Amino acid sequence: TLIKFDDVMNDQRQVIFSQRLNILKQTNINDMLTDFLNEISQKILKIKIEYKTSNDEKLYLAGIKNFTGNAISDEQLLKYGLLNDKVFLEEIAGVFNEKKKEKINLISAEQYYDLEKKIFLQILDFSWRAHLQYLEQLRQVIGLRSYGQKDPLSEFKKEAFTLFEILLDKVKTDVIKFLLNMNLVLTSKSEEKKQPLE
């Protein structure tokens, strides 16, 4: 059974490694990030639609900030909440694209696209390592559980699959949130020289 548990982990590892390879092969990951942003925008839209019914500002702001961090002010988010769905989605995409443009103007498109790839890979690697720890814990827990007529391996597969879907979703959210909230600080060579050594 241990080998079969490893098969599940290896299947997931294949998915992650092929995604890594895909990121590395591309000059820029614009299309991928646009897809992520569209997926996340749909989740944010649901929060906005619920807000229309509940009028619960705190819940609305907290819900959206799970995806955007502090990139958009509360005041702005409350204004967005009054817009129709189509314009709301355009505004969210607009914020992301505007922040991207600002950073490209600060460095260069080539450097910025390289930075996006590095950030994506770091988040992917970090999340994957955490996921492997969850799977290891799950394997131990399932080994200890006594499943009446249930097969431990099929239970592991089912729960591991759910955890993997959560991982992929979390990576998308973390990448978009990080890029939205990232601030670039440029120092000139002369400033670097002026800075005292620690």
C-alpha atoms as a PDB file:
ATOM      1  CA  THR A   1       0.000   0.000   0.000  1.00  0.00           C
ATOM      2  CA  LEU A   2       2.924   2.341   0.720  1.00  0.00           C
ATOM      3  CA  ILE A   3       3.979   2.147  -2.942  1.00  0.00           C
ATOM      4  CA  LYS A   4       0.449   2.970  -4.060  1.00  0.00           C
ATOM      5  CA  PHE A   5       0.389   5.992  -1.733  1.00  0.00           C
ATOM      6  CA  ASP A   6       3.601   7.111  -3.455  1.00  0.00           C
ATOM      7  CA  ASP A   7       1.918   6.722  -6.860  1.00  0.00           C
ATOM      8  CA  VAL A   8      -0.657   9.335  -5.848  1.00  0.00           C
ATOM      9  CA  MET A   9       2.100  11.726  -4.769  1.00  0.00           C
ATOM     10  CA  ASN A  10       4.060  11.095  -7.976  1.00  0.00           C
ATOM     11  CA  ASP A  11       1.011  11.837 -10.146  1.00  0.00           C
ATOM     12  CA  GLN A  12       0.644  15.187  -8.429  1.00  0.00           C
ATOM     13  CA  ARG A  13       4.388  15.824  -8.658  1.00  0.00           C
ATOM     14  CA  GLN A  14       4.165  15.304 -12.444  1.00  0.00           C
ATOM     15  CA  VAL A  15       1.478  18.009 -12.702  1.00  0.00           C
ATOM     16  CA  ILE A  16       3.540  20.490 -10.670  1.00  0.00           C
ATOM     17  CA  PHE A  17       6.764  19.756 -12.551  1.00  0.00           C
ATOM     18  CA  SER A  18       5.118  20.100 -15.963  1.00  0.00           C
ATOM     19  CA  GLN A  19       3.692  23.455 -14.826  1.00  0.00           C
ATOM     20  CA  ARG A  20       7.189  24.522 -13.705  1.00  0.00           C
ATOM     21  CA  LEU A  21       8.600  23.516 -17.080  1.00  0.00           C
ATOM     22  CA  ASN A  22       5.829  25.401 -18.844  1.00  0.00           C
ATOM     23  CA  ILE A  23       6.648  28.581 -16.882  1.00  0.00           C
ATOM     24  CA  LEU A  24      10.386  28.263 -17.564  1.00  0.00           C
ATOM     25  CA  LYS A  25       9.896  27.745 -21.308  1.00  0.00           C
ATOM     26  CA  GLN A  26       7.861  30.908 -21.826  1.00  0.00           C
ATOM     27  CA  THR A  27       9.283  34.369 -22.466  1.00  0.00           C
ATOM     28  CA  ASN A  28       6.412  35.794 -20.435  1.00  0.00           C
ATOM     29  CA  ILE A  29       3.476  34.279 -18.560  1.00  0.00           C
ATOM     30  CA  ASN A  30       0.900  36.932 -19.509  1.00  0.00           C
ATOM     31  CA  ASP A  31      -1.677  34.439 -20.789  1.00  0.00           C
ATOM     32  CA  MET A  32      -1.397  32.304 -17.677  1.00  0.00           C
ATOM     33  CA  LEU A  33      -1.751  35.307 -15.369  1.00  0.00           C
ATOM     34  CA  THR A  34      -4.736  36.612 -17.356  1.00  0.00           C
ATOM     35  CA  ASP A  35      -6.449  33.234 -16.869  1.00  0.00           C
ATOM     36  CA  PHE A  36      -5.704  33.331 -13.128  1.00  0.00           C
ATOM     37  CA  LEU A  37      -6.997  36.889 -12.862  1.00  0.00           C
ATOM     38  CA  ASN A  38     -10.212  35.937 -14.691  1.00  0.00           C
ATOM     39  CA  GLU A  39     -10.796  32.977 -12.359  1.00  0.00           C
ATOM     40  CA  ILE A  40     -10.142  35.068  -9.261  1.00  0.00           C
ATOM     41  CA  SER A  41     -12.300  37.928 -10.571  1.00  0.00           C
ATOM     42  CA  GLN A  42     -15.257  35.531 -10.809  1.00  0.00           C
ATOM     43  CA  LYS A  43     -14.773  34.617  -7.123  1.00  0.00           C
ATOM     44  CA  ILE A  44     -14.541  38.300  -6.202  1.00  0.00           C
ATOM     45  CA  LEU A  45     -17.712  38.954  -8.229  1.00  0.00           C
ATOM     46  CA  LYS A  46     -19.592  36.358  -6.137  1.00  0.00           C
ATOM     47  CA  ILE A  47     -18.559  38.253  -2.984  1.00  0.00           C
ATOM     48  CA  LYS A  48     -19.811  41.492  -4.539  1.00  0.00           C
ATOM     49  CA  ILE A  49     -23.156  39.879  -5.491  1.00  0.00           C
ATOM     50  CA  GLU A  50     -23.577  38.542  -1.915  1.00  0.00           C
ATOM     51  CA  TYR A  51     -22.780  42.041  -0.600  1.00  0.00           C
ATOM     52  CA  LYS A  52     -25.751  43.451  -2.541  1.00  0.00           C
ATOM     53  CA  THR A  53     -28.027  41.168  -0.510  1.00  0.00           C
ATOM     54  CA  SER A  54     -26.289  41.276   2.884  1.00  0.00           C
ATOM     55  CA  ASN A  55     -25.026  44.893   2.895  1.00  0.00           C
ATOM     56  CA  ASP A  56     -22.338  43.607   5.272  1.00  0.00           C
ATOM     57  CA  GLU A  57     -19.392  45.913   4.511  1.00  0.00           C
ATOM     58  CA  LYS A  58     -16.925  44.117   6.791  1.00  0.00           C
ATOM     59  CA  LEU A  59     -17.631  40.720   5.225  1.00  0.00           C
ATOM     60  CA  TYR A  60     -17.441  42.167   1.707  1.00  0.00           C
ATOM     61  CA  LEU A  61     -14.108  43.936   2.308  1.00  0.00           C
ATOM     62  CA  ALA A  62     -12.541  40.972   4.125  1.00  0.00           C
ATOM     63  CA  GLY A  63     -13.706  38.582   1.387  1.00  0.00           C
ATOM     64  CA  ILE A  64     -12.211  40.635  -1.427  1.00  0.00           C
ATOM     65  CA  LYS A  65      -8.972  41.310   0.465  1.00  0.00           C
ATOM     66  CA  ASN A  66      -8.406  37.544   0.675  1.00  0.00           C
ATOM     67  CA  PHE A  67      -7.704  37.857  -3.051  1.00  0.00           C
ATOM     68  CA  THR A  68      -6.312  41.382  -3.441  1.00  0.00           C
ATOM     69  CA  GLY A  69      -4.523  42.095  -0.158  1.00  0.00           C
ATOM     70  CA  ASN A  70      -4.367  45.842   0.459  1.00  0.00           C
ATOM     71  CA  ALA A  71      -3.799  46.780  -3.195  1.00  0.00           C
ATOM     72  CA  ILE A  72      -7.205  48.515  -3.381  1.00  0.00           C
ATOM     73  CA  SER A  73      -8.389  50.873  -0.633  1.00  0.00           C
ATOM     74  CA  ASP A  74     -11.577  50.153   1.355  1.00  0.00           C
ATOM     75  CA  GLU A  75     -13.085  53.333  -0.028  1.00  0.00           C
ATOM     76  CA  GLN A  76     -12.418  52.239  -3.601  1.00  0.00           C
ATOM     77  CA  LEU A  77     -13.754  48.715  -2.971  1.00  0.00           C
ATOM     78  CA  LEU A  78     -16.985  50.142  -1.542  1.00  0.00           C
ATOM     79  CA  LYS A  79     -17.368  52.291  -4.677  1.00  0.00           C
ATOM     80  CA  TYR A  80     -16.786  49.213  -6.834  1.00  0.00           C
ATOM     81  CA  GLY A  81     -19.506  47.411  -4.874  1.00  0.00           C
ATOM     82  CA  LEU A  82     -22.090  49.819  -6.351  1.00  0.00           C
ATOM     83  CA  LEU A  83     -21.115  49.110  -9.979  1.00  0.00           C
ATOM     84  CA  ASN A  84     -22.810  46.653 -12.297  1.00  0.00           C
ATOM     85  CA  ASP A  85     -21.059  43.297 -12.666  1.00  0.00           C
ATOM     86  CA  LYS A  86     -19.424  43.978 -16.047  1.00  0.00           C
ATOM     87  CA  VAL A  87     -17.919  47.324 -14.991  1.00  0.00           C
ATOM     88  CA  PHE A  88     -16.909  45.840 -11.634  1.00  0.00           C
ATOM     89  CA  LEU A  89     -14.866  43.128 -13.405  1.00  0.00           C
ATOM     90  CA  GLU A  90     -13.313  45.728 -15.716  1.00  0.00           C
ATOM     91  CA  GLU A  91     -12.230  47.825 -12.714  1.00  0.00           C
ATOM     92  CA  ILE A  92     -10.591  44.848 -10.967  1.00  0.00           C
ATOM     93  CA  ALA A  93      -8.699  43.908 -14.166  1.00  0.00           C
ATOM     94  CA  GLY A  94      -7.830  47.597 -14.635  1.00  0.00           C
ATOM     95  CA  VAL A  95      -6.150  47.799 -11.221  1.00  0.00           C
ATOM     96  CA  PHE A  96      -4.016  44.733 -11.975  1.00  0.00           C
ATOM     97  CA  ASN A  97      -2.979  46.009 -15.424  1.00  0.00           C
ATOM     98  CA  GLU A  98      -2.292  49.531 -14.138  1.00  0.00           C
ATOM     99  CA  LYS A  99       0.008  48.253 -11.387  1.00  0.00           C
ATOM    100  CA  LYS A 100       1.778  46.041 -13.913  1.00  0.00           C
ATOM    101  CA  LYS A 101       2.297  49.036 -16.268  1.00  0.00           C
ATOM    102  CA  GLU A 102       3.742  51.139 -13.423  1.00  0.00           C
ATOM    103  CA  LYS A 103       6.315  48.450 -12.654  1.00  0.00           C
ATOM    104  CA  ILE A 104       7.217  47.922 -16.317  1.00  0.00           C
ATOM    105  CA  ASN A 105       7.838  51.685 -16.597  1.00  0.00           C
ATOM    106  CA  LEU A 106      10.062  51.478 -13.530  1.00  0.00           C
ATOM    107  CA  ILE A 107      12.248  48.641 -14.769  1.00  0.00           C
ATOM    108  CA  SER A 108      11.725  47.161 -18.255  1.00  0.00           C
ATOM    109  CA  ALA A 109       9.180  44.752 -19.708  1.00  0.00           C
ATOM    110  CA  GLU A 110      11.838  42.048 -20.006  1.00  0.00           C
ATOM    111  CA  GLN A 111      12.967  42.422 -16.373  1.00  0.00           C
ATOM    112  CA  TYR A 112       9.398  42.577 -15.127  1.00  0.00           C
ATOM    113  CA  TYR A 113       8.330  39.429 -17.007  1.00  0.00           C
ATOM    114  CA  ASP A 114      11.375  37.650 -15.620  1.00  0.00           C
ATOM    115  CA  LEU A 115      10.402  38.800 -12.126  1.00  0.00           C
ATOM    116  CA  GLU A 116       6.827  37.485 -12.593  1.00  0.00           C
ATOM    117  CA  LYS A 117       8.217  34.076 -13.545  1.00  0.00           C
ATOM    118  CA  LYS A 118      10.572  33.989 -10.536  1.00  0.00           C
ATOM    119  CA  ILE A 119       7.751  34.936  -8.147  1.00  0.00           C
ATOM    120  CA  PHE A 120       5.428  32.322  -9.645  1.00  0.00           C
ATOM    121  CA  LEU A 121       8.106  29.601  -9.330  1.00  0.00           C
ATOM    122  CA  GLN A 122       8.919  30.546  -5.719  1.00  0.00           C
ATOM    123  CA  ILE A 123       5.251  30.465  -4.714  1.00  0.00           C
ATOM    124  CA  LEU A 124       4.737  27.177  -6.568  1.00  0.00           C
ATOM    125  CA  ASP A 125       7.777  25.544  -4.906  1.00  0.00           C
ATOM    126  CA  PHE A 126       6.902  26.795  -1.433  1.00  0.00           C
ATOM    127  CA  SER A 127       3.258  25.689  -1.743  1.00  0.00           C
ATOM    128  CA  TRP A 128       4.261  22.293  -3.131  1.00  0.00           C
ATOM    129  CA  ARG A 129       6.607  21.644  -0.186  1.00  0.00           C
ATOM    130  CA  ALA A 130       3.834  22.530   2.270  1.00  0.00           C
ATOM    131  CA  HIS A 131       1.427  20.291   0.337  1.00  0.00           C
ATOM    132  CA  LEU A 132       3.835  17.328   0.588  1.00  0.00           C
ATOM    133  CA  GLN A 133       3.840  17.751   4.366  1.00  0.00           C
ATOM    134  CA  TYR A 134       0.017  17.711   4.397  1.00  0.00           C
ATOM    135  CA  LEU A 135       0.037  14.533   2.302  1.00  0.00           C
ATOM    136  CA  GLU A 136       2.504  12.898   4.671  1.00  0.00           C
ATOM    137  CA  GLN A 137       0.272  13.771   7.637  1.00  0.00           C
ATOM    138  CA  LEU A 138      -2.771  12.526   5.733  1.00  0.00           C
ATOM    139  CA  ARG A 139      -1.024   9.240   4.987  1.00  0.00           C
ATOM    140  CA  GLN A 140      -0.288   8.759   8.697  1.00  0.00           C
ATOM    141  CA  VAL A 141      -3.804   9.745   9.795  1.00  0.00           C
ATOM    142  CA  ILE A 142      -5.401   7.410   7.255  1.00  0.00           C
ATOM    143  CA  GLY A 143      -3.090   4.638   8.397  1.00  0.00           C
ATOM    144  CA  LEU A 144      -4.348   5.133  11.954  1.00  0.00           C
ATOM    145  CA  ARG A 145      -8.041   5.427  11.078  1.00  0.00           C
ATOM    146  CA  SER A 146     -10.063   2.275  11.071  1.00  0.00           C
ATOM    147  CA  TYR A 147     -12.357   2.485   8.073  1.00  0.00           C
ATOM    148  CA  GLY A 148     -15.104  -0.094   8.517  1.00  0.00           C
ATOM    149  CA  GLN A 149     -15.517  -1.324   4.957  1.00  0.00           C
ATOM    150  CA  LYS A 150     -13.556   1.573   3.423  1.00  0.00           C
ATOM    151  CA  ASP A 151     -10.272   1.129   1.605  1.00  0.00           C
ATOM    152  CA  PRO A 152      -7.523   3.395   3.065  1.00  0.00           C
ATOM    153  CA  LEU A 153      -5.949   3.924  -0.373  1.00  0.00           C
ATOM    154  CA  SER A 154      -9.153   5.147  -2.025  1.00  0.00           C
ATOM    155  CA  GLU A 155      -9.802   7.424   0.988  1.00  0.00           C
ATOM    156  CA  PHE A 156      -6.253   8.801   0.646  1.00  0.00           C
ATOM    157  CA  LYS A 157      -6.720   9.344  -3.110  1.00  0.00           C
ATOM    158  CA  LYS A 158      -9.977  11.196  -2.560  1.00  0.00           C
ATOM    159  CA  GLU A 159      -8.629  13.485   0.178  1.00  0.00           C
ATOM    160  CA  ALA A 160      -5.280  13.986  -1.583  1.00  0.00           C
ATOM    161  CA  PHE A 161      -7.145  15.079  -4.707  1.00  0.00           C
ATOM    162  CA  THR A 162      -9.160  17.637  -2.727  1.00  0.00           C
ATOM    163  CA  LEU A 163      -5.973  18.965  -1.102  1.00  0.00           C
ATOM    164  CA  PHE A 164      -4.329  19.202  -4.536  1.00  0.00           C
ATOM    165  CA  GLU A 165      -7.224  21.249  -5.935  1.00  0.00           C
ATOM    166  CA  ILE A 166      -6.926  23.574  -2.923  1.00  0.00           C
ATOM    167  CA  LEU A 167      -3.159  23.855  -3.574  1.00  0.00           C
ATOM    168  CA  LEU A 168      -3.645  24.829  -7.248  1.00  0.00           C
ATOM    169  CA  ASP A 169      -6.263  27.420  -6.300  1.00  0.00           C
ATOM    170  CA  LYS A 170      -4.058  28.829  -3.564  1.00  0.00           C
ATOM    171  CA  VAL A 171      -1.086  29.187  -5.934  1.00  0.00           C
ATOM    172  CA  LYS A 172      -3.212  31.215  -8.385  1.00  0.00           C
ATOM    173  CA  THR A 173      -4.497  33.488  -5.611  1.00  0.00           C
ATOM    174  CA  ASP A 174      -1.061  33.932  -4.009  1.00  0.00           C
ATOM    175  CA  VAL A 175       0.594  34.832  -7.329  1.00  0.00           C
ATOM    176  CA  ILE A 176      -2.031  37.440  -8.246  1.00  0.00           C
ATOM    177  CA  LYS A 177      -2.124  38.855  -4.701  1.00  0.00           C
ATOM    178  CA  PHE A 178       1.670  39.083  -4.535  1.00  0.00           C
ATOM    179  CA  LEU A 179       1.935  40.843  -7.915  1.00  0.00           C
ATOM    180  CA  LEU A 180      -0.849  43.277  -6.967  1.00  0.00           C
ATOM    181  CA  ASN A 181       0.849  44.234  -3.696  1.00  0.00           C
ATOM    182  CA  MET A 182       4.481  44.116  -4.777  1.00  0.00           C
ATOM    183  CA  ASN A 183       6.389  47.397  -4.533  1.00  0.00           C
ATOM    184  CA  LEU A 184       9.615  47.820  -6.427  1.00  0.00           C
ATOM    185  CA  VAL A 185      12.269  49.975  -4.801  1.00  0.00           C
ATOM    186  CA  LEU A 186      15.065  51.061  -7.070  1.00  0.00           C
ATOM    187  CA  THR A 187      18.322  52.390  -5.689  1.00  0.00           C
ATOM    188  CA  SER A 188      20.879  54.101  -7.861  1.00  0.00           C
ATOM    189  CA  LYS A 189      24.502  52.983  -7.712  1.00  0.00           C
ATOM    190  CA  SER A 190      25.528  56.200  -5.921  1.00  0.00           C
ATOM    191  CA  GLU A 191      22.839  55.676  -3.274  1.00  0.00           C
ATOM    192  CA  GLU A 192      24.005  52.114  -2.748  1.00  0.00           C
ATOM    193  CA  LYS A 193      27.523  53.391  -2.081  1.00  0.00           C
ATOM    194  CA  LYS A 194      26.231  55.991   0.360  1.00  0.00           C
ATOM    195  CA  GLN A 195      24.363  53.451   2.429  1.00  0.00           C
ATOM    196  CA  PRO A 196      26.415  52.527   5.507  1.00  0.00           C
ATOM    197  CA  LEU A 197      27.369  48.908   5.896  1.00  0.00           C
ATOM    198  CA  GLU A 198      25.392  46.951   8.457  1.00  0.00           C
END
